[in-house]
């Protein structure tokens, strides 16, 4: 047995850090924006077409410093408009 700060730990037992959660309780965070390369992978749209959609205003981007981000909501809206034939 090992004593640690007022608690007893048996041999082979692992200590859990106070900020960890069991895997079943962990929450999956969905991104609110992605980089251009990730937007290409997520949608399957070619890079040149994606930049055309950005230039035409059909796809929103956010510039933070040198990083160009595409809001995921904008990608969802783009795909939905395409599904409805409004693109």
PDB file of N, CA and C in Angstrom:
ATOM      1  N   UNK A   1       0.828  -1.183   0.000  1.00  0.00           N
ATOM      2  CA  UNK A   1       0.000   0.000   0.000  1.00  0.00           C
ATOM      3  C   UNK A   1       0.874   1.248   0.000  1.00  0.00           C
ATOM      4  N   UNK A   2       0.396   2.267  -0.678  1.00  0.00           N
ATOM      5  CA  UNK A   2       1.100   3.534  -0.750  1.00  0.00           C
ATOM      6  C   UNK A   2       0.183   4.605  -0.168  1.00  0.00           C
ATOM      7  N   UNK A   3       0.726   5.448   0.671  1.00  0.00           N
ATOM      8  CA  UNK A   3      -0.097   6.533   1.233  1.00  0.00           C
ATOM      9  C   UNK A   3       0.192   7.813   0.469  1.00  0.00           C
ATOM     10  N   UNK A   4      -0.855   8.476   0.037  1.00  0.00           N
ATOM     11  CA  UNK A   4      -0.729   9.747  -0.671  1.00  0.00           C
ATOM     12  C   UNK A   4      -1.719  10.750  -0.104  1.00  0.00           C
ATOM     13  N   UNK A   5      -1.255  11.836   0.380  1.00  0.00           N
ATOM     14  CA  UNK A   5      -2.063  12.974   0.820  1.00  0.00           C
ATOM     15  C   UNK A   5      -3.395  12.556   1.440  1.00  0.00           C
ATOM     16  N   UNK A   6      -3.351  11.749   2.445  1.00  0.00           N
ATOM     17  CA  UNK A   6      -4.560  11.397   3.172  1.00  0.00           C
ATOM     18  C   UNK A   6      -5.353  10.253   2.567  1.00  0.00           C
ATOM     19  N   UNK A   7      -4.860   9.603   1.519  1.00  0.00           N
ATOM     20  CA  UNK A   7      -5.586   8.477   0.949  1.00  0.00           C
ATOM     21  C   UNK A   7      -4.644   7.284   0.830  1.00  0.00           C
ATOM     22  N   UNK A   8      -5.219   6.129   0.788  1.00  0.00           N
ATOM     23  CA  UNK A   8      -4.432   4.913   0.676  1.00  0.00           C
ATOM     24  C   UNK A   8      -4.666   4.305  -0.695  1.00  0.00           C
ATOM     25  N   UNK A   9      -3.580   3.931  -1.376  1.00  0.00           N
ATOM     26  CA  UNK A   9      -3.663   3.341  -2.702  1.00  0.00           C
ATOM     27  C   UNK A   9      -3.051   1.952  -2.627  1.00  0.00           C
ATOM     28  N   UNK A  10      -3.757   0.957  -3.113  1.00  0.00           N
ATOM     29  CA  UNK A  10      -3.240  -0.408  -3.111  1.00  0.00           C
ATOM     30  C   UNK A  10      -2.320  -0.605  -4.309  1.00  0.00           C
ATOM     31  N   UNK A  11      -1.423  -1.561  -4.234  1.00  0.00           N
ATOM     32  CA  UNK A  11      -0.521  -1.875  -5.333  1.00  0.00           C
ATOM     33  C   UNK A  11      -1.320  -2.205  -6.593  1.00  0.00           C
ATOM     34  N   UNK A  12      -0.913  -1.651  -7.721  1.00  0.00           N
ATOM     35  CA  UNK A  12      -1.588  -1.913  -8.999  1.00  0.00           C
ATOM     36  C   UNK A  12      -2.755  -0.978  -9.263  1.00  0.00           C
ATOM     37  N   UNK A  13      -3.208  -0.229  -8.280  1.00  0.00           N
ATOM     38  CA  UNK A  13      -4.323   0.692  -8.453  1.00  0.00           C
ATOM     39  C   UNK A  13      -3.778   2.012  -9.002  1.00  0.00           C
ATOM     40  N   UNK A  14      -4.483   2.603  -9.957  1.00  0.00           N
ATOM     41  CA  UNK A  14      -4.014   3.846 -10.556  1.00  0.00           C
ATOM     42  C   UNK A  14      -4.682   5.032  -9.896  1.00  0.00           C
ATOM     43  N   UNK A  15      -3.910   6.092  -9.781  1.00  0.00           N
ATOM     44  CA  UNK A  15      -4.453   7.340  -9.253  1.00  0.00           C
ATOM     45  C   UNK A  15      -5.085   8.123 -10.385  1.00  0.00           C
ATOM     46  N   UNK A  16      -6.254   8.652 -10.162  1.00  0.00           N
ATOM     47  CA  UNK A  16      -6.919   9.485 -11.159  1.00  0.00           C
ATOM     48  C   UNK A  16      -6.668  10.944 -10.807  1.00  0.00           C
ATOM     49  N   UNK A  17      -6.364  11.734 -11.823  1.00  0.00           N
ATOM     50  CA  UNK A  17      -6.192  13.157 -11.595  1.00  0.00           C
ATOM     51  C   UNK A  17      -7.553  13.763 -11.302  1.00  0.00           C
ATOM     52  N   UNK A  18      -7.619  14.824 -10.523  1.00  0.00           N
ATOM     53  CA  UNK A  18      -8.912  15.386 -10.128  1.00  0.00           C
ATOM     54  C   UNK A  18      -9.743  15.918 -11.290  1.00  0.00           C
ATOM     55  N   UNK A  19      -9.119  16.237 -12.429  1.00  0.00           N
ATOM     56  CA  UNK A  19      -9.869  16.823 -13.535  1.00  0.00           C
ATOM     57  C   UNK A  19     -10.212  15.817 -14.628  1.00  0.00           C
ATOM     58  N   UNK A  20      -9.901  14.550 -14.430  1.00  0.00           N
ATOM     59  CA  UNK A  20     -10.234  13.567 -15.461  1.00  0.00           C
ATOM     60  C   UNK A  20     -11.642  13.038 -15.245  1.00  0.00           C
ATOM     61  N   UNK A  21     -12.258  12.606 -16.333  1.00  0.00           N
ATOM     62  CA  UNK A  21     -13.592  12.021 -16.277  1.00  0.00           C
ATOM     63  C   UNK A  21     -13.536  10.623 -16.853  1.00  0.00           C
ATOM     64  N   UNK A  22     -14.385   9.741 -16.385  1.00  0.00           N
ATOM     65  CA  UNK A  22     -14.448   8.433 -17.032  1.00  0.00           C
ATOM     66  C   UNK A  22     -14.829   8.604 -18.498  1.00  0.00           C
ATOM     67  N   UNK A  23     -14.374   7.693 -19.343  1.00  0.00           N
ATOM     68  CA  UNK A  23     -14.618   7.799 -20.784  1.00  0.00           C
ATOM     69  C   UNK A  23     -16.099   7.907 -21.103  1.00  0.00           C
ATOM     70  N   UNK A  24     -16.946   7.236 -20.350  1.00  0.00           N
ATOM     71  CA  UNK A  24     -18.388   7.276 -20.614  1.00  0.00           C
ATOM     72  C   UNK A  24     -18.969   8.662 -20.368  1.00  0.00           C
ATOM     73  N   UNK A  25     -18.347   9.452 -19.499  1.00  0.00           N
ATOM     74  CA  UNK A  25     -18.872  10.770 -19.162  1.00  0.00           C
ATOM     75  C   UNK A  25     -18.228  11.879 -19.993  1.00  0.00           C
ATOM     76  N   UNK A  26     -17.180  11.577 -20.732  1.00  0.00           N
ATOM     77  CA  UNK A  26     -16.485  12.598 -21.516  1.00  0.00           C
ATOM     78  C   UNK A  26     -17.396  13.115 -22.618  1.00  0.00           C
ATOM     79  N   UNK A  27     -17.372  14.405 -22.845  1.00  0.00           N
ATOM     80  CA  UNK A  27     -18.189  15.017 -23.882  1.00  0.00           C
ATOM     81  C   UNK A  27     -17.358  15.244 -25.127  1.00  0.00           C
ATOM     82  N   UNK A  28     -17.981  15.023 -26.262  1.00  0.00           N
ATOM     83  CA  UNK A  28     -17.301  15.276 -27.516  1.00  0.00           C
ATOM     84  C   UNK A  28     -17.623  16.697 -27.940  1.00  0.00           C
ATOM     85  N   UNK A  29     -16.599  17.500 -28.127  1.00  0.00           N
ATOM     86  CA  UNK A  29     -16.798  18.868 -28.556  1.00  0.00           C
ATOM     87  C   UNK A  29     -16.755  18.925 -30.073  1.00  0.00           C
ATOM     88  N   UNK A  30     -17.747  19.545 -30.659  1.00  0.00           N
ATOM     89  CA  UNK A  30     -17.760  19.733 -32.101  1.00  0.00           C
ATOM     90  C   UNK A  30     -17.167  21.101 -32.399  1.00  0.00           C
ATOM     91  N   UNK A  31     -16.323  21.192 -33.412  1.00  0.00           N
ATOM     92  CA  UNK A  31     -15.705  22.483 -33.724  1.00  0.00           C
ATOM     93  C   UNK A  31     -16.738  23.470 -34.255  1.00  0.00           C
ATOM     94  N   UNK A  32     -16.520  24.751 -33.980  1.00  0.00           N
ATOM     95  CA  UNK A  32     -17.395  25.778 -34.533  1.00  0.00           C
ATOM     96  C   UNK A  32     -16.842  26.306 -35.847  1.00  0.00           C
ATOM     97  N   UNK A  33     -15.557  26.047 -36.084  1.00  0.00           N
ATOM     98  CA  UNK A  33     -14.946  26.437 -37.352  1.00  0.00           C
ATOM     99  C   UNK A  33     -13.810  25.479 -37.672  1.00  0.00           C
ATOM    100  N   UNK A  34     -13.476  25.428 -38.969  1.00  0.00           N
ATOM    101  CA  UNK A  34     -12.383  24.565 -39.424  1.00  0.00           C
ATOM    102  C   UNK A  34     -11.516  25.340 -40.398  1.00  0.00           C
ATOM    103  N   UNK A  35     -10.293  24.889 -40.583  1.00  0.00           N
ATOM    104  CA  UNK A  35      -9.405  25.495 -41.569  1.00  0.00           C
ATOM    105  C   UNK A  35      -9.841  25.064 -42.968  1.00  0.00           C
ATOM    106  N   UNK A  36      -9.316  25.748 -43.976  1.00  0.00           N
ATOM    107  CA  UNK A  36      -9.671  25.474 -45.366  1.00  0.00           C
ATOM    108  C   UNK A  36      -9.442  23.997 -45.718  1.00  0.00           C
ATOM    109  N   UNK A  37      -8.293  23.461 -45.353  1.00  0.00           N
ATOM    110  CA  UNK A  37      -7.978  22.064 -45.681  1.00  0.00           C
ATOM    111  C   UNK A  37      -8.995  21.104 -45.062  1.00  0.00           C
ATOM    112  N   UNK A  38      -9.440  21.408 -43.846  1.00  0.00           N
ATOM    113  CA  UNK A  38     -10.438  20.552 -43.202  1.00  0.00           C
ATOM    114  C   UNK A  38     -11.809  20.709 -43.862  1.00  0.00           C
ATOM    115  N   UNK A  39     -12.140  21.913 -44.297  1.00  0.00           N
ATOM    116  CA  UNK A  39     -13.409  22.141 -44.999  1.00  0.00           C
ATOM    117  C   UNK A  39     -13.437  21.348 -46.307  1.00  0.00           C
ATOM    118  N   UNK A  40     -12.300  21.270 -46.973  1.00  0.00           N
ATOM    119  CA  UNK A  40     -12.189  20.494 -48.210  1.00  0.00           C
ATOM    120  C   UNK A  40     -12.427  19.014 -47.925  1.00  0.00           C
ATOM    121  N   UNK A  41     -11.792  18.521 -46.863  1.00  0.00           N
ATOM    122  CA  UNK A  41     -11.956  17.106 -46.504  1.00  0.00           C
ATOM    123  C   UNK A  41     -13.379  16.801 -46.058  1.00  0.00           C
ATOM    124  N   UNK A  42     -13.982  17.698 -45.278  1.00  0.00           N
ATOM    125  CA  UNK A  42     -15.327  17.461 -44.760  1.00  0.00           C
ATOM    126  C   UNK A  42     -16.391  17.454 -45.855  1.00  0.00           C
ATOM    127  N   UNK A  43     -16.237  18.316 -46.836  1.00  0.00           N
ATOM    128  CA  UNK A  43     -17.270  18.453 -47.867  1.00  0.00           C
ATOM    129  C   UNK A  43     -16.977  17.654 -49.121  1.00  0.00           C
ATOM    130  N   UNK A  44     -15.717  17.392 -49.386  1.00  0.00           N
ATOM    131  CA  UNK A  44     -15.361  16.717 -50.629  1.00  0.00           C
ATOM    132  C   UNK A  44     -15.271  17.670 -51.804  1.00  0.00           C
ATOM    133  N   UNK A  45     -15.382  18.963 -51.534  1.00  0.00           N
ATOM    134  CA  UNK A  45     -15.291  19.983 -52.581  1.00  0.00           C
ATOM    135  C   UNK A  45     -13.814  20.237 -52.875  1.00  0.00           C
ATOM    136  N   UNK A  46     -13.475  20.424 -54.145  1.00  0.00           N
ATOM    137  CA  UNK A  46     -12.087  20.719 -54.510  1.00  0.00           C
ATOM    138  C   UNK A  46     -11.699  22.103 -54.005  1.00  0.00           C
ATOM    139  N   UNK A  47     -10.419  22.296 -53.780  1.00  0.00           N
ATOM    140  CA  UNK A  47      -9.900  23.565 -53.247  1.00  0.00           C
ATOM    141  C   UNK A  47     -10.317  24.760 -54.094  1.00  0.00           C
ATOM    142  N   UNK A  48     -10.184  24.648 -55.418  1.00  0.00           N
ATOM    143  CA  UNK A  48     -10.516  25.784 -56.296  1.00  0.00           C
ATOM    144  C   UNK A  48     -12.006  26.131 -56.211  1.00  0.00           C
ATOM    145  N   UNK A  49     -12.859  25.110 -56.126  1.00  0.00           N
ATOM    146  CA  UNK A  49     -14.301  25.361 -56.019  1.00  0.00           C
ATOM    147  C   UNK A  49     -14.631  26.003 -54.681  1.00  0.00           C
ATOM    148  N   UNK A  50     -13.957  25.566 -53.630  1.00  0.00           N
ATOM    149  CA  UNK A  50     -14.191  26.152 -52.313  1.00  0.00           C
ATOM    150  C   UNK A  50     -13.843  27.637 -52.323  1.00  0.00           C
ATOM    151  N   UNK A  51     -12.703  27.987 -52.950  1.00  0.00           N
ATOM    152  CA  UNK A  51     -12.324  29.397 -53.034  1.00  0.00           C
ATOM    153  C   UNK A  51     -13.296  30.189 -53.918  1.00  0.00           C
ATOM    154  N   UNK A  52     -13.865  29.569 -54.945  1.00  0.00           N
ATOM    155  CA  UNK A  52     -14.892  30.230 -55.759  1.00  0.00           C
ATOM    156  C   UNK A  52     -16.123  30.532 -54.903  1.00  0.00           C
ATOM    157  N   UNK A  53     -16.532  29.564 -54.075  1.00  0.00           N
ATOM    158  CA  UNK A  53     -17.692  29.754 -53.196  1.00  0.00           C
ATOM    159  C   UNK A  53     -17.435  30.859 -52.173  1.00  0.00           C
ATOM    160  N   UNK A  54     -16.203  30.951 -51.702  1.00  0.00           N
ATOM    161  CA  UNK A  54     -15.844  32.020 -50.763  1.00  0.00           C
ATOM    162  C   UNK A  54     -15.904  33.372 -51.480  1.00  0.00           C
ATOM    163  N   UNK A  55     -15.330  33.459 -52.684  1.00  0.00           N
ATOM    164  CA  UNK A  55     -15.301  34.715 -53.444  1.00  0.00           C
ATOM    165  C   UNK A  55     -16.702  35.183 -53.805  1.00  0.00           C
ATOM    166  N   UNK A  56     -17.598  34.240 -54.096  1.00  0.00           N
ATOM    167  CA  UNK A  56     -18.964  34.617 -54.491  1.00  0.00           C
ATOM    168  C   UNK A  56     -19.845  34.954 -53.291  1.00  0.00           C
ATOM    169  N   UNK A  57     -19.359  34.674 -52.080  1.00  0.00           N
ATOM    170  CA  UNK A  57     -20.147  34.958 -50.882  1.00  0.00           C
ATOM    171  C   UNK A  57     -21.049  33.804 -50.468  1.00  0.00           C
ATOM    172  N   UNK A  58     -20.979  32.686 -51.177  1.00  0.00           N
ATOM    173  CA  UNK A  58     -21.804  31.529 -50.831  1.00  0.00           C
ATOM    174  C   UNK A  58     -21.287  30.790 -49.607  1.00  0.00           C
ATOM    175  N   UNK A  59     -20.028  31.019 -49.255  1.00  0.00           N
ATOM    176  CA  UNK A  59     -19.430  30.368 -48.093  1.00  0.00           C
ATOM    177  C   UNK A  59     -18.738  31.422 -47.253  1.00  0.00           C
ATOM    178  N   UNK A  60     -19.112  31.478 -46.002  1.00  0.00           N
ATOM    179  CA  UNK A  60     -18.561  32.475 -45.079  1.00  0.00           C
ATOM    180  C   UNK A  60     -17.201  32.026 -44.564  1.00  0.00           C
ATOM    181  N   UNK A  61     -16.312  32.979 -44.379  1.00  0.00           N
ATOM    182  CA  UNK A  61     -15.027  32.715 -43.733  1.00  0.00           C
ATOM    183  C   UNK A  61     -14.782  33.755 -42.656  1.00  0.00           C
ATOM    184  N   UNK A  62     -13.909  33.414 -41.746  1.00  0.00           N
ATOM    185  CA  UNK A  62     -13.496  34.320 -40.681  1.00  0.00           C
ATOM    186  C   UNK A  62     -11.981  34.341 -40.703  1.00  0.00           C
ATOM    187  N   UNK A  63     -11.416  35.529 -40.733  1.00  0.00           N
ATOM    188  CA  UNK A  63      -9.962  35.680 -40.762  1.00  0.00           C
ATOM    189  C   UNK A  63      -9.501  36.105 -39.372  1.00  0.00           C
ATOM    190  N   UNK A  64      -8.626  35.303 -38.774  1.00  0.00           N
ATOM    191  CA  UNK A  64      -8.037  35.637 -37.486  1.00  0.00           C
ATOM    192  C   UNK A  64      -6.531  35.592 -37.681  1.00  0.00           C
ATOM    193  N   UNK A  65      -5.925  36.757 -37.711  1.00  0.00           N
ATOM    194  CA  UNK A  65      -4.507  36.830 -38.031  1.00  0.00           C
ATOM    195  C   UNK A  65      -4.294  36.338 -39.451  1.00  0.00           C
ATOM    196  N   UNK A  66      -3.412  35.370 -39.629  1.00  0.00           N
ATOM    197  CA  UNK A  66      -3.166  34.805 -40.955  1.00  0.00           C
ATOM    198  C   UNK A  66      -4.011  33.568 -41.215  1.00  0.00           C
ATOM    199  N   UNK A  67      -4.780  33.157 -40.233  1.00  0.00           N
ATOM    200  CA  UNK A  67      -5.560  31.926 -40.319  1.00  0.00           C
ATOM    201  C   UNK A  67      -6.962  32.213 -40.874  1.00  0.00           C
ATOM    202  N   UNK A  68      -7.331  31.498 -41.916  1.00  0.00           N
ATOM    203  CA  UNK A  68      -8.676  31.605 -42.473  1.00  0.00           C
ATOM    204  C   UNK A  68      -9.487  30.423 -41.978  1.00  0.00           C
ATOM    205  N   UNK A  69     -10.597  30.715 -41.315  1.00  0.00           N
ATOM    206  CA  UNK A  69     -11.467  29.682 -40.770  1.00  0.00           C
ATOM    207  C   UNK A  69     -12.818  29.699 -41.474  1.00  0.00           C
ATOM    208  N   UNK A  70     -13.403  28.535 -41.613  1.00  0.00           N
ATOM    209  CA  UNK A  70     -14.737  28.408 -42.206  1.00  0.00           C
ATOM    210  C   UNK A  70     -15.662  27.922 -41.095  1.00  0.00           C
ATOM    211  N   UNK A  71     -16.689  28.708 -40.734  1.00  0.00           N
ATOM    212  CA  UNK A  71     -17.627  28.243 -39.713  1.00  0.00           C
ATOM    213  C   UNK A  71     -18.329  26.964 -40.180  1.00  0.00           C
ATOM    214  N   UNK A  72     -18.423  25.992 -39.297  1.00  0.00           N
ATOM    215  CA  UNK A  72     -19.064  24.724 -39.638  1.00  0.00           C
ATOM    216  C   UNK A  72     -20.523  24.966 -40.005  1.00  0.00           C
ATOM    217  N   UNK A  73     -21.169  25.908 -39.354  1.00  0.00           N
ATOM    218  CA  UNK A  73     -22.571  26.227 -39.678  1.00  0.00           C
ATOM    219  C   UNK A  73     -22.689  26.693 -41.128  1.00  0.00           C
ATOM    220  N   UNK A  74     -21.687  27.409 -41.621  1.00  0.00           N
ATOM    221  CA  UNK A  74     -21.690  27.863 -43.004  1.00  0.00           C
ATOM    222  C   UNK A  74     -21.558  26.677 -43.959  1.00  0.00           C
ATOM    223  N   UNK A  75     -20.762  25.674 -43.590  1.00  0.00           N
ATOM    224  CA  UNK A  75     -20.647  24.463 -44.407  1.00  0.00           C
ATOM    225  C   UNK A  75     -21.969  23.703 -44.453  1.00  0.00           C
ATOM    226  N   UNK A  76     -22.623  23.591 -43.292  1.00  0.00           N
ATOM    227  CA  UNK A  76     -23.930  22.922 -43.238  1.00  0.00           C
ATOM    228  C   UNK A  76     -24.947  23.655 -44.113  1.00  0.00           C
ATOM    229  N   UNK A  77     -24.961  24.986 -44.021  1.00  0.00           N
ATOM    230  CA  UNK A  77     -25.900  25.790 -44.809  1.00  0.00           C
ATOM    231  C   UNK A  77     -25.624  25.635 -46.305  1.00  0.00           C
ATOM    232  N   UNK A  78     -24.358  25.593 -46.683  1.00  0.00           N
ATOM    233  CA  UNK A  78     -23.978  25.425 -48.080  1.00  0.00           C
ATOM    234  C   UNK A  78     -24.504  24.099 -48.630  1.00  0.00           C
ATOM    235  N   UNK A  79     -24.277  23.035 -47.886  1.00  0.00           N
ATOM    236  CA  UNK A  79     -24.729  21.711 -48.321  1.00  0.00           C
ATOM    237  C   UNK A  79     -26.250  21.662 -48.379  1.00  0.00           C
ATOM    238  N   UNK A  80     -26.916  22.269 -47.434  1.00  0.00           N
ATOM    239  CA  UNK A  80     -28.389  22.283 -47.436  1.00  0.00           C
ATOM    240  C   UNK A  80     -28.932  23.048 -48.642  1.00  0.00           C
ATOM    241  N   UNK A  81     -28.311  24.201 -48.958  1.00  0.00           N
ATOM    242  CA  UNK A  81     -28.747  24.963 -50.146  1.00  0.00           C
ATOM    243  C   UNK A  81     -28.529  24.136 -51.412  1.00  0.00           C
ATOM    244  N   UNK A  82     -27.415  23.422 -51.473  1.00  0.00           N
ATOM    245  CA  UNK A  82     -27.134  22.574 -52.640  1.00  0.00           C
ATOM    246  C   UNK A  82     -28.158  21.441 -52.742  1.00  0.00           C
ATOM    247  N   UNK A  83     -28.552  20.876 -51.622  1.00  0.00           N
ATOM    248  CA  UNK A  83     -29.564  19.814 -51.619  1.00  0.00           C
ATOM    249  C   UNK A  83     -30.897  20.310 -52.138  1.00  0.00           C
ATOM    250  N   UNK A  84     -31.206  21.566 -51.846  1.00  0.00           N
ATOM    251  CA  UNK A  84     -32.477  22.143 -52.271  1.00  0.00           C
ATOM    252  C   UNK A  84     -32.392  22.745 -53.665  1.00  0.00           C
ATOM    253  N   UNK A  85     -31.212  22.642 -54.293  1.00  0.00           N
ATOM    254  CA  UNK A  85     -31.056  23.166 -55.648  1.00  0.00           C
ATOM    255  C   UNK A  85     -30.948  24.671 -55.715  1.00  0.00           C
ATOM    256  N   UNK A  86     -30.591  25.311 -54.634  1.00  0.00           N
ATOM    257  CA  UNK A  86     -30.480  26.771 -54.604  1.00  0.00           C
ATOM    258  C   UNK A  86     -29.051  27.244 -54.651  1.00  0.00           C
ATOM    259  N   UNK A  87     -28.171  26.449 -55.211  1.00  0.00           N
ATOM    260  CA  UNK A  87     -26.768  26.877 -55.272  1.00  0.00           C
ATOM    261  C   UNK A  87     -26.312  26.977 -56.693  1.00  0.00           C
TER     262      UNK A  87
END
